[in-house]
């Protein structure tokens, strides 16, 4: 997640990336995507 990015735009960006992986045959389950989002939020919090 970028410092100036809202959670909504980050989720939209992550969904776009996930859909691109889907088109290439790589499938992610929602739990794995959410885990990656939460991990990025933890890193953002540590930067502040």
N, C-alpha and C. Protein backbone atom coordinates (compact mmCIF):
# COMPACT_ATOMS: atom_id res chain seq x y z
N UNK A 1 0.84 -1.17 0.00
CA UNK A 1 0.00 0.00 0.00
C UNK A 1 0.89 1.24 0.00
N UNK A 2 0.52 2.19 -0.81
CA UNK A 2 1.26 3.44 -0.87
C UNK A 2 0.85 4.34 0.29
N UNK A 3 1.72 5.21 0.72
CA UNK A 3 1.43 6.06 1.88
C UNK A 3 0.20 6.94 1.67
N UNK A 4 0.02 7.48 0.48
CA UNK A 4 -1.09 8.39 0.22
C UNK A 4 -2.31 7.68 -0.35
N UNK A 5 -2.31 6.37 -0.37
CA UNK A 5 -3.37 5.60 -1.01
C UNK A 5 -4.46 5.24 0.00
N UNK A 6 -5.72 5.36 -0.42
CA UNK A 6 -6.82 4.95 0.45
C UNK A 6 -6.97 3.43 0.39
N UNK A 7 -7.64 2.88 1.37
CA UNK A 7 -7.83 1.44 1.41
C UNK A 7 -8.68 0.99 0.23
N UNK A 8 -9.66 1.80 -0.15
CA UNK A 8 -10.51 1.47 -1.29
C UNK A 8 -9.71 1.37 -2.58
N UNK A 9 -8.85 2.35 -2.83
CA UNK A 9 -8.05 2.30 -4.06
C UNK A 9 -7.02 1.18 -4.01
N UNK A 10 -6.50 0.88 -2.83
CA UNK A 10 -5.56 -0.23 -2.71
C UNK A 10 -6.26 -1.55 -2.99
N UNK A 11 -7.47 -1.71 -2.47
CA UNK A 11 -8.23 -2.94 -2.71
C UNK A 11 -8.58 -3.08 -4.19
N UNK A 12 -8.94 -1.95 -4.83
CA UNK A 12 -9.24 -1.97 -6.26
C UNK A 12 -8.01 -2.38 -7.06
N UNK A 13 -6.86 -1.83 -6.69
CA UNK A 13 -5.61 -2.17 -7.37
C UNK A 13 -5.28 -3.64 -7.16
N UNK A 14 -5.46 -4.14 -5.96
CA UNK A 14 -5.18 -5.55 -5.66
C UNK A 14 -6.13 -6.46 -6.44
N UNK A 15 -7.40 -6.07 -6.57
CA UNK A 15 -8.36 -6.84 -7.33
C UNK A 15 -7.98 -6.90 -8.81
N UNK A 16 -7.52 -5.77 -9.34
CA UNK A 16 -7.07 -5.73 -10.74
C UNK A 16 -5.90 -6.67 -10.96
N UNK A 17 -4.95 -6.66 -10.04
CA UNK A 17 -3.80 -7.55 -10.14
C UNK A 17 -4.24 -9.01 -10.06
N UNK A 18 -5.14 -9.30 -9.13
CA UNK A 18 -5.64 -10.66 -8.96
C UNK A 18 -6.37 -11.13 -10.21
N UNK A 19 -7.18 -10.26 -10.81
CA UNK A 19 -7.89 -10.62 -12.03
C UNK A 19 -6.91 -10.89 -13.17
N UNK A 20 -5.82 -10.15 -13.20
CA UNK A 20 -4.80 -10.39 -14.23
C UNK A 20 -4.16 -11.76 -14.03
N UNK A 21 -3.89 -12.13 -12.78
CA UNK A 21 -3.36 -13.46 -12.50
C UNK A 21 -4.35 -14.54 -12.91
N UNK A 22 -5.63 -14.27 -12.65
CA UNK A 22 -6.69 -15.20 -13.05
C UNK A 22 -6.64 -15.46 -14.55
N UNK A 23 -6.48 -14.39 -15.32
CA UNK A 23 -6.43 -14.51 -16.78
C UNK A 23 -5.23 -15.33 -17.23
N UNK A 24 -4.17 -15.31 -16.44
CA UNK A 24 -2.96 -16.08 -16.77
C UNK A 24 -3.00 -17.51 -16.22
N UNK A 25 -4.09 -17.84 -15.52
CA UNK A 25 -4.24 -19.19 -15.01
C UNK A 25 -3.80 -19.37 -13.56
N UNK A 26 -3.39 -18.30 -12.91
CA UNK A 26 -2.97 -18.37 -11.50
C UNK A 26 -4.16 -17.93 -10.64
N UNK A 27 -4.65 -18.79 -9.80
CA UNK A 27 -5.85 -18.49 -9.01
C UNK A 27 -5.46 -18.31 -7.54
N UNK A 28 -5.91 -17.20 -6.96
CA UNK A 28 -5.71 -16.93 -5.54
C UNK A 28 -7.06 -17.02 -4.83
N UNK A 29 -7.08 -17.64 -3.67
CA UNK A 29 -8.31 -17.65 -2.89
C UNK A 29 -8.39 -16.35 -2.10
N UNK A 30 -9.60 -15.96 -1.73
CA UNK A 30 -9.81 -14.69 -1.04
C UNK A 30 -9.01 -14.58 0.25
N UNK A 31 -8.87 -15.66 0.97
CA UNK A 31 -8.13 -15.62 2.24
C UNK A 31 -6.68 -15.23 2.01
N UNK A 32 -6.09 -15.71 0.93
CA UNK A 32 -4.70 -15.39 0.64
C UNK A 32 -4.57 -13.92 0.25
N UNK A 33 -5.53 -13.40 -0.51
CA UNK A 33 -5.51 -11.99 -0.91
C UNK A 33 -5.65 -11.10 0.31
N UNK A 34 -6.58 -11.42 1.19
CA UNK A 34 -6.80 -10.63 2.40
C UNK A 34 -5.57 -10.67 3.29
N UNK A 35 -4.93 -11.83 3.36
CA UNK A 35 -3.70 -11.95 4.15
C UNK A 35 -2.62 -11.01 3.62
N UNK A 36 -2.48 -10.92 2.31
CA UNK A 36 -1.49 -10.03 1.71
C UNK A 36 -1.83 -8.57 2.00
N UNK A 37 -3.12 -8.23 1.94
CA UNK A 37 -3.54 -6.85 2.23
C UNK A 37 -3.22 -6.50 3.67
N UNK A 38 -3.56 -7.38 4.60
CA UNK A 38 -3.29 -7.12 6.01
C UNK A 38 -1.80 -7.01 6.29
N UNK A 39 -1.00 -7.82 5.62
CA UNK A 39 0.45 -7.75 5.78
C UNK A 39 0.98 -6.40 5.31
N UNK A 40 0.44 -5.88 4.20
CA UNK A 40 0.90 -4.58 3.70
C UNK A 40 0.47 -3.46 4.65
N UNK A 41 -0.68 -3.60 5.29
CA UNK A 41 -1.13 -2.58 6.25
C UNK A 41 -0.22 -2.56 7.48
N UNK A 42 0.24 -3.73 7.91
CA UNK A 42 1.16 -3.80 9.05
C UNK A 42 2.47 -3.10 8.72
N UNK A 43 2.98 -3.29 7.52
CA UNK A 43 4.21 -2.63 7.10
C UNK A 43 4.02 -1.13 7.05
N UNK A 44 2.86 -0.69 6.58
CA UNK A 44 2.57 0.74 6.51
C UNK A 44 2.53 1.34 7.90
N UNK A 45 1.94 0.65 8.85
CA UNK A 45 1.85 1.14 10.23
C UNK A 45 3.24 1.27 10.85
N UNK A 46 4.13 0.35 10.55
CA UNK A 46 5.49 0.41 11.09
C UNK A 46 6.27 1.58 10.52
N UNK A 47 5.94 2.01 9.29
CA UNK A 47 6.63 3.12 8.65
C UNK A 47 6.28 4.45 9.29
N UNK A 48 5.10 4.56 9.88
CA UNK A 48 4.65 5.84 10.45
C UNK A 48 5.38 6.19 11.68
